[in-house]
PDB file of all heavy atoms in Angstrom:
ATOM      1  N   SER A   1      -7.490  17.345   2.757  1.00  0.00           N
ATOM      2  CA  SER A   1      -7.178  17.254   4.199  1.00  0.00           C
ATOM      3  C   SER A   1      -5.769  16.933   4.515  1.00  0.00           C
ATOM      4  O   SER A   1      -5.242  15.892   3.904  1.00  0.00           O
ATOM      5  CB  SER A   1      -8.109  16.144   4.857  1.00  0.00           C
ATOM      6  OG  SER A   1      -7.696  15.993   6.204  1.00  0.00           O
ATOM      7  N   GLN A   2      -5.146  17.777   5.337  1.00  0.00           N
ATOM      8  CA  GLN A   2      -3.750  17.439   5.703  1.00  0.00           C
ATOM      9  C   GLN A   2      -3.707  16.375   6.725  1.00  0.00           C
ATOM     10  O   GLN A   2      -2.608  15.979   7.085  1.00  0.00           O
ATOM     11  CB  GLN A   2      -3.125  18.764   6.284  1.00  0.00           C
ATOM     12  CG  GLN A   2      -2.958  19.869   5.056  1.00  0.00           C
ATOM     13  CD  GLN A   2      -1.828  20.849   5.355  1.00  0.00           C
ATOM     14  OE1 GLN A   2      -0.687  20.379   5.430  1.00  0.00           O
ATOM     15  NE2 GLN A   2      -2.120  22.092   5.493  1.00  0.00           N
ATOM     16  N   LYS A   3      -4.819  15.922   7.170  1.00  0.00           N
ATOM     17  CA  LYS A   3      -4.808  14.822   8.050  1.00  0.00           C
ATOM     18  C   LYS A   3      -4.459  13.471   7.294  1.00  0.00           C
ATOM     19  O   LYS A   3      -4.131  12.479   7.904  1.00  0.00           O
ATOM     20  CB  LYS A   3      -6.164  14.575   8.762  1.00  0.00           C
ATOM     21  CG  LYS A   3      -6.579  15.651   9.733  1.00  0.00           C
ATOM     22  CD  LYS A   3      -5.858  15.589  11.025  1.00  0.00           C
ATOM     23  CE  LYS A   3      -6.366  16.554  11.984  1.00  0.00           C
ATOM     24  NZ  LYS A   3      -5.620  16.455  13.262  1.00  0.00           N
ATOM     25  N   ILE A   4      -4.638  13.559   5.968  1.00  0.00           N
ATOM     26  CA  ILE A   4      -4.376  12.387   5.167  1.00  0.00           C
ATOM     27  C   ILE A   4      -2.949  12.508   4.519  1.00  0.00           C
ATOM     28  O   ILE A   4      -2.568  13.472   3.885  1.00  0.00           O
ATOM     29  CB  ILE A   4      -5.373  12.316   4.036  1.00  0.00           C
ATOM     30  CG1 ILE A   4      -6.716  12.011   4.674  1.00  0.00           C
ATOM     31  CG2 ILE A   4      -5.085  11.125   3.001  1.00  0.00           C
ATOM     32  CD1 ILE A   4      -7.877  12.053   3.659  1.00  0.00           C
ATOM     33  N   LYS A   5      -2.129  11.552   4.749  1.00  0.00           N
ATOM     34  CA  LYS A   5      -0.784  11.385   4.132  1.00  0.00           C
ATOM     35  C   LYS A   5      -0.825  10.183   3.117  1.00  0.00           C
ATOM     36  O   LYS A   5      -1.198   9.087   3.454  1.00  0.00           O
ATOM     37  CB  LYS A   5       0.241  11.091   5.231  1.00  0.00           C
ATOM     38  CG  LYS A   5       1.538  10.785   4.675  1.00  0.00           C
ATOM     39  CD  LYS A   5       2.182  12.043   4.029  1.00  0.00           C
ATOM     40  CE  LYS A   5       3.724  11.812   3.547  1.00  0.00           C
ATOM     41  NZ  LYS A   5       4.163  12.936   2.718  1.00  0.00           N
ATOM     42  N   VAL A   6      -0.463  10.550   1.913  1.00  0.00           N
ATOM     43  CA  VAL A   6      -0.588   9.464   0.757  1.00  0.00           C
ATOM     44  C   VAL A   6       0.936   9.166   0.338  1.00  0.00           C
ATOM     45  O   VAL A   6       1.686  10.091   0.127  1.00  0.00           O
ATOM     46  CB  VAL A   6      -1.299  10.109  -0.381  1.00  0.00           C
ATOM     47  CG1 VAL A   6      -1.194   9.292  -1.581  1.00  0.00           C
ATOM     48  CG2 VAL A   6      -2.842  10.179  -0.021  1.00  0.00           C
ATOM     49  N   TRP A   7       0.999   7.936   0.101  1.00  0.00           N
ATOM     50  CA  TRP A   7       2.224   7.362  -0.598  1.00  0.00           C
ATOM     51  C   TRP A   7       1.782   6.520  -1.781  1.00  0.00           C
ATOM     52  O   TRP A   7       0.928   5.573  -1.634  1.00  0.00           O
ATOM     53  CB  TRP A   7       3.038   6.468   0.383  1.00  0.00           C
ATOM     54  CG  TRP A   7       3.804   7.242   1.384  1.00  0.00           C
ATOM     55  CD1 TRP A   7       3.374   7.702   2.635  1.00  0.00           C
ATOM     56  CD2 TRP A   7       5.132   7.698   1.292  1.00  0.00           C
ATOM     57  NE1 TRP A   7       4.273   8.384   3.264  1.00  0.00           N
ATOM     58  CE2 TRP A   7       5.423   8.416   2.502  1.00  0.00           C
ATOM     59  CE3 TRP A   7       6.114   7.598   0.326  1.00  0.00           C
ATOM     60  CZ2 TRP A   7       6.665   9.025   2.689  1.00  0.00           C
ATOM     61  CZ3 TRP A   7       7.345   8.251   0.550  1.00  0.00           C
ATOM     62  CH2 TRP A   7       7.638   8.853   1.757  1.00  0.00           C
ATOM     63  N   ILE A   8       2.291   6.935  -2.943  1.00  0.00           N
ATOM     64  CA  ILE A   8       2.168   6.013  -4.154  1.00  0.00           C
ATOM     65  C   ILE A   8       3.407   5.225  -4.311  1.00  0.00           C
ATOM     66  O   ILE A   8       4.492   5.723  -4.489  1.00  0.00           O
ATOM     67  CB  ILE A   8       1.822   6.911  -5.350  1.00  0.00           C
ATOM     68  CG1 ILE A   8       0.738   7.966  -5.157  1.00  0.00           C
ATOM     69  CG2 ILE A   8       1.471   6.021  -6.602  1.00  0.00           C
ATOM     70  CD1 ILE A   8      -0.546   7.361  -4.772  1.00  0.00           C
ATOM     71  N   VAL A   9       3.268   3.801  -4.200  1.00  0.00           N
ATOM     72  CA  VAL A   9       4.505   3.048  -4.042  1.00  0.00           C
ATOM     73  C   VAL A   9       4.483   1.970  -5.198  1.00  0.00           C
ATOM     74  O   VAL A   9       3.485   1.251  -5.350  1.00  0.00           O
ATOM     75  CB  VAL A   9       4.473   2.333  -2.729  1.00  0.00           C
ATOM     76  CG1 VAL A   9       5.766   1.481  -2.635  1.00  0.00           C
ATOM     77  CG2 VAL A   9       4.343   3.259  -1.610  1.00  0.00           C
ATOM     78  N   ASP A  10       5.515   1.976  -6.029  1.00  0.00           N
ATOM     79  CA  ASP A  10       5.760   1.060  -7.045  1.00  0.00           C
ATOM     80  C   ASP A  10       6.346  -0.149  -6.407  1.00  0.00           C
ATOM     81  O   ASP A  10       7.582  -0.134  -5.981  1.00  0.00           O
ATOM     82  CB  ASP A  10       6.618   1.603  -8.198  1.00  0.00           C
ATOM     83  CG  ASP A  10       6.734   0.663  -9.356  1.00  0.00           C
ATOM     84  OD1 ASP A  10       6.562  -0.572  -9.163  1.00  0.00           O
ATOM     85  OD2 ASP A  10       7.055   1.119 -10.479  1.00  0.00           O
ATOM     86  N   VAL A  11       5.616  -1.216  -6.278  1.00  0.00           N
ATOM     87  CA  VAL A  11       6.130  -2.427  -5.510  1.00  0.00           C
ATOM     88  C   VAL A  11       7.195  -3.140  -6.431  1.00  0.00           C
ATOM     89  O   VAL A  11       7.919  -3.982  -5.854  1.00  0.00           O
ATOM     90  CB  VAL A  11       5.006  -3.378  -5.051  1.00  0.00           C
ATOM     91  CG1 VAL A  11       4.073  -2.740  -4.167  1.00  0.00           C
ATOM     92  CG2 VAL A  11       4.237  -3.845  -6.372  1.00  0.00           C
ATOM     93  N   GLY A  12       7.360  -2.765  -7.632  1.00  0.00           N
ATOM     94  CA  GLY A  12       8.482  -3.300  -8.337  1.00  0.00           C
ATOM     95  C   GLY A  12       9.797  -2.818  -7.817  1.00  0.00           C
ATOM     96  O   GLY A  12      10.807  -3.557  -7.950  1.00  0.00           O
ATOM     97  N   HIS A  13       9.780  -1.600  -7.329  1.00  0.00           N
ATOM     98  CA  HIS A  13      11.009  -1.045  -6.734  1.00  0.00           C
ATOM     99  C   HIS A  13      11.045  -1.259  -5.301  1.00  0.00           C
ATOM    100  O   HIS A  13      12.160  -1.217  -4.621  1.00  0.00           O
ATOM    101  CB  HIS A  13      11.088   0.492  -6.992  1.00  0.00           C
ATOM    102  CG  HIS A  13      11.348   0.857  -8.418  1.00  0.00           C
ATOM    103  ND1 HIS A  13      12.524   0.730  -8.981  1.00  0.00           N
ATOM    104  CD2 HIS A  13      10.433   1.370  -9.353  1.00  0.00           C
ATOM    105  CE1 HIS A  13      12.467   1.079 -10.230  1.00  0.00           C
ATOM    106  NE2 HIS A  13      11.200   1.523 -10.505  1.00  0.00           N
ATOM    107  N   PHE A  14       9.953  -1.523  -4.634  1.00  0.00           N
ATOM    108  CA  PHE A  14       9.886  -1.745  -3.179  1.00  0.00           C
ATOM    109  C   PHE A  14       9.111  -3.086  -2.781  1.00  0.00           C
ATOM    110  O   PHE A  14       7.926  -2.969  -2.280  1.00  0.00           O
ATOM    111  CB  PHE A  14       9.201  -0.544  -2.490  1.00  0.00           C
ATOM    112  CG  PHE A  14       9.933   0.752  -2.682  1.00  0.00           C
ATOM    113  CD1 PHE A  14       9.556   1.630  -3.723  1.00  0.00           C
ATOM    114  CD2 PHE A  14      10.925   1.193  -1.866  1.00  0.00           C
ATOM    115  CE1 PHE A  14      10.207   2.721  -3.923  1.00  0.00           C
ATOM    116  CE2 PHE A  14      11.570   2.371  -2.076  1.00  0.00           C
ATOM    117  CZ  PHE A  14      11.214   3.195  -3.105  1.00  0.00           C
ATOM    118  N   PRO A  15       9.691  -4.174  -3.154  1.00  0.00           N
ATOM    119  CA  PRO A  15       9.042  -5.412  -2.909  1.00  0.00           C
ATOM    120  C   PRO A  15       8.704  -5.701  -1.381  1.00  0.00           C
ATOM    121  O   PRO A  15       7.885  -6.399  -1.059  1.00  0.00           O
ATOM    122  CB  PRO A  15       9.973  -6.501  -3.460  1.00  0.00           C
ATOM    123  CG  PRO A  15      11.305  -5.827  -3.607  1.00  0.00           C
ATOM    124  CD  PRO A  15      11.031  -4.347  -3.880  1.00  0.00           C
ATOM    125  N   HIS A  16       9.597  -5.103  -0.465  1.00  0.00           N
ATOM    126  CA  HIS A  16       9.372  -5.335   0.904  1.00  0.00           C
ATOM    127  C   HIS A  16       8.065  -4.725   1.337  1.00  0.00           C
ATOM    128  O   HIS A  16       7.505  -5.226   2.386  1.00  0.00           O
ATOM    129  CB  HIS A  16      10.519  -4.763   1.669  1.00  0.00           C
ATOM    130  CG  HIS A  16      10.673  -3.295   1.708  1.00  0.00           C
ATOM    131  ND1 HIS A  16      11.138  -2.593   0.659  1.00  0.00           N
ATOM    132  CD2 HIS A  16      10.371  -2.348   2.697  1.00  0.00           C
ATOM    133  CE1 HIS A  16      11.144  -1.270   0.878  1.00  0.00           C
ATOM    134  NE2 HIS A  16      10.610  -1.085   2.156  1.00  0.00           N
ATOM    135  N   ILE A  17       7.560  -3.621   0.667  1.00  0.00           N
ATOM    136  CA  ILE A  17       6.299  -3.031   1.004  1.00  0.00           C
ATOM    137  C   ILE A  17       5.151  -3.988   0.629  1.00  0.00           C
ATOM    138  O   ILE A  17       4.175  -4.223   1.321  1.00  0.00           O
ATOM    139  CB  ILE A  17       6.138  -1.712   0.321  1.00  0.00           C
ATOM    140  CG1 ILE A  17       7.219  -0.728   0.818  1.00  0.00           C
ATOM    141  CG2 ILE A  17       4.681  -1.064   0.627  1.00  0.00           C
ATOM    142  CD1 ILE A  17       7.200  -0.375   2.250  1.00  0.00           C
ATOM    143  N   ARG A  18       5.322  -4.683  -0.514  1.00  0.00           N
ATOM    144  CA  ARG A  18       4.311  -5.662  -0.949  1.00  0.00           C
ATOM    145  C   ARG A  18       4.274  -6.800   0.024  1.00  0.00           C
ATOM    146  O   ARG A  18       3.193  -7.239   0.471  1.00  0.00           O
ATOM    147  CB  ARG A  18       4.722  -6.155  -2.423  1.00  0.00           C
ATOM    148  CG  ARG A  18       3.686  -7.141  -2.890  1.00  0.00           C
ATOM    149  CD  ARG A  18       4.066  -7.782  -4.176  1.00  0.00           C
ATOM    150  NE  ARG A  18       5.358  -8.551  -4.015  1.00  0.00           N
ATOM    151  CZ  ARG A  18       6.480  -8.282  -4.757  1.00  0.00           C
ATOM    152  NH1 ARG A  18       6.432  -7.393  -5.701  1.00  0.00           N
ATOM    153  NH2 ARG A  18       7.564  -9.059  -4.567  1.00  0.00           N
ATOM    154  N   GLU A  19       5.433  -7.283   0.388  1.00  0.00           N
ATOM    155  CA  GLU A  19       5.526  -8.385   1.351  1.00  0.00           C
ATOM    156  C   GLU A  19       4.944  -8.028   2.774  1.00  0.00           C
ATOM    157  O   GLU A  19       4.257  -8.857   3.372  1.00  0.00           O
ATOM    158  CB  GLU A  19       6.954  -8.908   1.518  1.00  0.00           C
ATOM    159  CG  GLU A  19       7.485  -9.484   0.128  1.00  0.00           C
ATOM    160  CD  GLU A  19       9.049  -9.584   0.164  1.00  0.00           C
ATOM    161  OE1 GLU A  19       9.595  -9.384   1.195  1.00  0.00           O
ATOM    162  OE2 GLU A  19       9.531  -9.960  -0.907  1.00  0.00           O
ATOM    163  N   LYS A  20       5.218  -6.735   3.110  1.00  0.00           N
ATOM    164  CA  LYS A  20       4.736  -6.279   4.421  1.00  0.00           C
ATOM    165  C   LYS A  20       3.189  -6.386   4.545  1.00  0.00           C
ATOM    166  O   LYS A  20       2.675  -6.802   5.583  1.00  0.00           O
ATOM    167  CB  LYS A  20       5.205  -4.879   4.739  1.00  0.00           C
ATOM    168  CG  LYS A  20       4.515  -4.187   5.867  1.00  0.00           C
ATOM    169  CD  LYS A  20       4.827  -2.662   5.975  1.00  0.00           C
ATOM    170  CE  LYS A  20       4.053  -2.010   7.065  1.00  0.00           C
ATOM    171  NZ  LYS A  20       4.266  -0.488   7.087  1.00  0.00           N
ATOM    172  N   HIS A  21       2.558  -5.933   3.461  1.00  0.00           N
ATOM    173  CA  HIS A  21       1.087  -5.961   3.387  1.00  0.00           C
ATOM    174  C   HIS A  21       0.501  -7.226   2.836  1.00  0.00           C
ATOM    175  O   HIS A  21      -0.740  -7.387   2.709  1.00  0.00           O
ATOM    176  CB  HIS A  21       0.648  -4.825   2.610  1.00  0.00           C
ATOM    177  CG  HIS A  21       0.993  -3.449   3.258  1.00  0.00           C
ATOM    178  ND1 HIS A  21       0.534  -3.088   4.450  1.00  0.00           N
ATOM    179  CD2 HIS A  21       1.756  -2.421   2.765  1.00  0.00           C
ATOM    180  CE1 HIS A  21       0.989  -1.828   4.767  1.00  0.00           C
ATOM    181  NE2 HIS A  21       1.746  -1.390   3.704  1.00  0.00           N
ATOM    182  N   ARG A  22       1.400  -8.207   2.401  1.00  0.00           N
ATOM    183  CA  ARG A  22       0.893  -9.509   1.796  1.00  0.00           C
ATOM    184  C   ARG A  22       0.096  -9.122   0.612  1.00  0.00           C
ATOM    185  O   ARG A  22      -1.028  -9.923   0.431  1.00  0.00           O
ATOM    186  CB  ARG A  22       0.214 -10.352   2.825  1.00  0.00           C
ATOM    187  CG  ARG A  22       0.992 -10.667   4.098  1.00  0.00           C
ATOM    188  CD  ARG A  22       0.144 -11.425   5.113  1.00  0.00           C
ATOM    189  NE  ARG A  22       0.964 -11.694   6.339  1.00  0.00           N
ATOM    190  CZ  ARG A  22       1.004 -10.983   7.501  1.00  0.00           C
ATOM    191  NH1 ARG A  22       0.244  -9.809   7.497  1.00  0.00           N
ATOM    192  NH2 ARG A  22       1.685 -11.268   8.524  1.00  0.00           N
ATOM    193  N   ALA A  23       0.428  -8.140  -0.141  1.00  0.00           N
ATOM    194  CA  ALA A  23      -0.435  -7.777  -1.320  1.00  0.00           C
ATOM    195  C   ALA A  23      -0.152  -8.641  -2.506  1.00  0.00           C
ATOM    196  O   ALA A  23       1.003  -8.921  -2.761  1.00  0.00           O
ATOM    197  CB  ALA A  23      -0.194  -6.329  -1.661  1.00  0.00           C
ATOM    198  N   SER A  24      -1.181  -9.041  -3.239  1.00  0.00           N
ATOM    199  CA  SER A  24      -0.940  -9.961  -4.339  1.00  0.00           C
ATOM    200  C   SER A  24      -1.450  -9.441  -5.602  1.00  0.00           C
ATOM    201  O   SER A  24      -1.307 -10.003  -6.759  1.00  0.00           O
ATOM    202  CB  SER A  24      -1.603 -11.328  -4.136  1.00  0.00           C
ATOM    203  OG  SER A  24      -2.992 -11.222  -3.766  1.00  0.00           O
ATOM    204  N   SER A  25      -2.189  -8.252  -5.549  1.00  0.00           N
ATOM    205  CA  SER A  25      -2.695  -7.697  -6.718  1.00  0.00           C
ATOM    206  C   SER A  25      -2.462  -6.096  -6.754  1.00  0.00           C
ATOM    207  O   SER A  25      -2.316  -5.600  -5.632  1.00  0.00           O
ATOM    208  CB  SER A  25      -4.194  -7.881  -6.836  1.00  0.00           C
ATOM    209  OG  SER A  25      -4.614  -9.228  -6.879  1.00  0.00           O
ATOM    210  N   ALA A  26      -2.535  -5.523  -7.906  1.00  0.00           N
ATOM    211  CA  ALA A  26      -2.418  -4.054  -8.023  1.00  0.00           C
ATOM    212  C   ALA A  26      -3.627  -3.568  -8.770  1.00  0.00           C
ATOM    213  O   ALA A  26      -4.099  -4.170  -9.739  1.00  0.00           O
ATOM    214  CB  ALA A  26      -1.103  -3.675  -8.789  1.00  0.00           C
ATOM    215  N   PRO A  27      -4.191  -2.396  -8.323  1.00  0.00           N
ATOM    216  CA  PRO A  27      -3.657  -1.602  -7.114  1.00  0.00           C
ATOM    217  C   PRO A  27      -4.210  -2.282  -5.810  1.00  0.00           C
ATOM    218  O   PRO A  27      -5.308  -2.761  -5.837  1.00  0.00           O
ATOM    219  CB  PRO A  27      -4.260  -0.234  -7.284  1.00  0.00           C
ATOM    220  CG  PRO A  27      -5.546  -0.532  -8.058  1.00  0.00           C
ATOM    221  CD  PRO A  27      -5.160  -1.646  -9.006  1.00  0.00           C
ATOM    222  N   THR A  28      -3.382  -2.218  -4.786  1.00  0.00           N
ATOM    223  CA  THR A  28      -3.894  -2.509  -3.406  1.00  0.00           C
ATOM    224  C   THR A  28      -3.687  -1.238  -2.616  1.00  0.00           C
ATOM    225  O   THR A  28      -2.609  -0.725  -2.575  1.00  0.00           O
ATOM    226  CB  THR A  28      -3.067  -3.600  -2.801  1.00  0.00           C
ATOM    227  OG1 THR A  28      -3.401  -4.861  -3.393  1.00  0.00           O
ATOM    228  CG2 THR A  28      -3.396  -3.729  -1.304  1.00  0.00           C
ATOM    229  N   THR A  29      -4.772  -0.736  -2.031  1.00  0.00           N
ATOM    230  CA  THR A  29      -4.786   0.513  -1.279  1.00  0.00           C
ATOM    231  C   THR A  29      -4.823   0.121   0.136  1.00  0.00           C
ATOM    232  O   THR A  29      -5.756  -0.518   0.629  1.00  0.00           O
ATOM    233  CB  THR A  29      -5.970   1.412  -1.704  1.00  0.00           C
ATOM    234  OG1 THR A  29      -5.871   1.644  -3.037  1.00  0.00           O
ATOM    235  CG2 THR A  29      -5.864   2.661  -0.959  1.00  0.00           C
ATOM    236  N   VAL A  30      -3.911   0.627   0.984  1.00  0.00           N
ATOM    237  CA  VAL A  30      -3.817   0.190   2.400  1.00  0.00           C
ATOM    238  C   VAL A  30      -4.054   1.509   3.200  1.00  0.00           C
ATOM    239  O   VAL A  30      -3.329   2.495   3.040  1.00  0.00           O
ATOM    240  CB  VAL A  30      -2.415  -0.350   2.694  1.00  0.00           C
ATOM    241  CG1 VAL A  30      -2.331  -0.804   4.174  1.00  0.00           C
ATOM    242  CG2 VAL A  30      -2.092  -1.507   1.775  1.00  0.00           C
ATOM    243  N   ILE A  31      -5.003   1.387   4.169  1.00  0.00           N
ATOM    244  CA  ILE A  31      -5.354   2.475   5.011  1.00  0.00           C
ATOM    245  C   ILE A  31      -5.006   2.269   6.411  1.00  0.00           C
ATOM    246  O   ILE A  31      -5.408   1.273   6.990  1.00  0.00           O
ATOM    247  CB  ILE A  31      -6.867   2.827   4.911  1.00  0.00           C
ATOM    248  CG1 ILE A  31      -7.331   3.084   3.397  1.00  0.00           C
ATOM    249  CG2 ILE A  31      -7.188   4.103   5.738  1.00  0.00           C
ATOM    250  CD1 ILE A  31      -8.847   3.202   3.227  1.00  0.00           C
ATOM    251  N   ASN A  32      -4.103   3.085   6.936  1.00  0.00           N
ATOM    252  CA  ASN A  32      -3.634   2.941   8.313  1.00  0.00           C
ATOM    253  C   ASN A  32      -3.219   1.514   8.643  1.00  0.00           C
ATOM    254  O   ASN A  32      -3.323   1.072   9.776  1.00  0.00           O
ATOM    255  CB  ASN A  32      -4.792   3.333   9.332  1.00  0.00           C
ATOM    256  CG  ASN A  32      -4.886   4.838   9.498  1.00  0.00           C
ATOM    257  OD1 ASN A  32      -4.135   5.622   8.841  1.00  0.00           O
ATOM    258  ND2 ASN A  32      -5.637   5.321  10.471  1.00  0.00           N
ATOM    259  N   ASP A  33      -2.561   0.974   7.678  1.00  0.00           N
ATOM    260  CA  ASP A  33      -1.926  -0.351   7.891  1.00  0.00           C
ATOM    261  C   ASP A  33      -2.900  -1.439   8.276  1.00  0.00           C
ATOM    262  O   ASP A  33      -2.449  -2.441   8.928  1.00  0.00           O
ATOM    263  CB  ASP A  33      -0.802  -0.220   8.884  1.00  0.00           C
ATOM    264  CG  ASP A  33       0.270  -1.369   8.845  1.00  0.00           C
ATOM    265  OD1 ASP A  33       0.382  -1.925   7.791  1.00  0.00           O
ATOM    266  OD2 ASP A  33       0.920  -1.615   9.811  1.00  0.00           O
ATOM    267  N   ARG A  34      -4.141  -1.289   7.919  1.00  0.00           N
ATOM    268  CA  ARG A  34      -5.056  -2.390   8.276  1.00  0.00           C
ATOM    269  C   ARG A  34      -6.089  -2.555   7.220  1.00  0.00           C
ATOM    270  O   ARG A  34      -6.309  -3.781   6.717  1.00  0.00           O
ATOM    271  CB  ARG A  34      -5.787  -2.074   9.620  1.00  0.00           C
ATOM    272  CG  ARG A  34      -6.411  -0.764   9.875  1.00  0.00           C
ATOM    273  CD  ARG A  34      -7.181  -0.766  11.178  1.00  0.00           C
ATOM    274  NE  ARG A  34      -6.321  -1.219  12.349  1.00  0.00           N
ATOM    275  CZ  ARG A  34      -6.868  -1.575  13.478  1.00  0.00           C
ATOM    276  NH1 ARG A  34      -8.197  -1.493  13.724  1.00  0.00           N
ATOM    277  NH2 ARG A  34      -6.038  -1.906  14.451  1.00  0.00           N
ATOM    278  N   VAL A  35      -6.823  -1.582   6.711  1.00  0.00           N
ATOM    279  CA  VAL A  35      -7.752  -1.740   5.607  1.00  0.00           C
ATOM    280  C   VAL A  35      -6.955  -1.990   4.328  1.00  0.00           C
ATOM    281  O   VAL A  35      -6.036  -1.339   4.008  1.00  0.00           O
ATOM    282  CB  VAL A  35      -8.664  -0.561   5.423  1.00  0.00           C
ATOM    283  CG1 VAL A  35      -9.450  -0.633   4.094  1.00  0.00           C
ATOM    284  CG2 VAL A  35      -9.666  -0.413   6.580  1.00  0.00           C
ATOM    285  N   GLN A  36      -7.428  -2.998   3.552  1.00  0.00           N
ATOM    286  CA  GLN A  36      -6.887  -3.242   2.235  1.00  0.00           C
ATOM    287  C   GLN A  36      -7.863  -3.343   1.170  1.00  0.00           C
ATOM    288  O   GLN A  36      -8.785  -4.168   1.292  1.00  0.00           O
ATOM    289  CB  GLN A  36      -6.010  -4.549   2.262  1.00  0.00           C
ATOM    290  CG  GLN A  36      -4.738  -4.419   3.108  1.00  0.00           C
ATOM    291  CD  GLN A  36      -3.794  -5.576   2.841  1.00  0.00           C
ATOM    292  OE1 GLN A  36      -3.996  -6.441   2.029  1.00  0.00           O
ATOM    293  NE2 GLN A  36      -2.751  -5.730   3.733  1.00  0.00           N
ATOM    294  N   ILE A  37      -7.793  -2.471   0.211  1.00  0.00           N
ATOM    295  CA  ILE A  37      -8.737  -2.454  -0.918  1.00  0.00           C
ATOM    296  C   ILE A  37      -8.038  -2.974  -2.153  1.00  0.00           C
ATOM    297  O   ILE A  37      -6.987  -2.286  -2.572  1.00  0.00           O
ATOM    298  CB  ILE A  37      -9.303  -1.011  -1.168  1.00  0.00           C
ATOM    299  CG1 ILE A  37      -9.929  -0.459   0.053  1.00  0.00           C
ATOM    300  CG2 ILE A  37     -10.288  -1.006  -2.289  1.00  0.00           C
ATOM    301  CD1 ILE A  37     -10.179   1.045   0.097  1.00  0.00           C
ATOM    302  N   VAL A  38      -8.476  -3.975  -2.769  1.00  0.00           N
ATOM    303  CA  VAL A  38      -7.960  -4.487  -4.029  1.00  0.00           C
ATOM    304  C   VAL A  38      -8.794  -4.014  -5.224  1.00  0.00           C
ATOM    305  O   VAL A  38      -9.982  -4.059  -5.268  1.00  0.00           O
ATOM    306  CB  VAL A  38      -7.848  -6.018  -4.063  1.00  0.00           C
ATOM    307  CG1 VAL A  38      -7.440  -6.477  -5.345  1.00  0.00           C
ATOM    308  CG2 VAL A  38      -7.071  -6.484  -2.849  1.00  0.00           C
TER     309      VAL A  38
END
């Protein structure tokens, strides 16, 4: 589905993304900036 946009993000290179989502474990999957799946 082209309705879905995916980003695979290495938080070692982008720590601000980890901080934005308050993620403490990998993988953490974030959907629409609200659902978080660990």
